[in-house]
């Protein structure tokens, strides 16, 4: 599920906000390191004013060929 896969820690306001915009998105194991890099290290995902951009980045990542391969 989304909450255990992507947001292992307790839900923070950031998690809830971004989850609201991304919807149910899951990442494969190969893809999760890219997710964590984006989620924890980019300005868009660290600054509340840019959370909508962060959600867009994460959604785009989830749909990328890298993440959709099984």
Foldseek 3Di string as FASTA:
>chain_A
DQCVQQPVDDDDPLNVVLCVLQPDFHFDPQLNVVLCCLCPPDPLNVDPVNSNVSSVVVNVSSPDPRGVDD
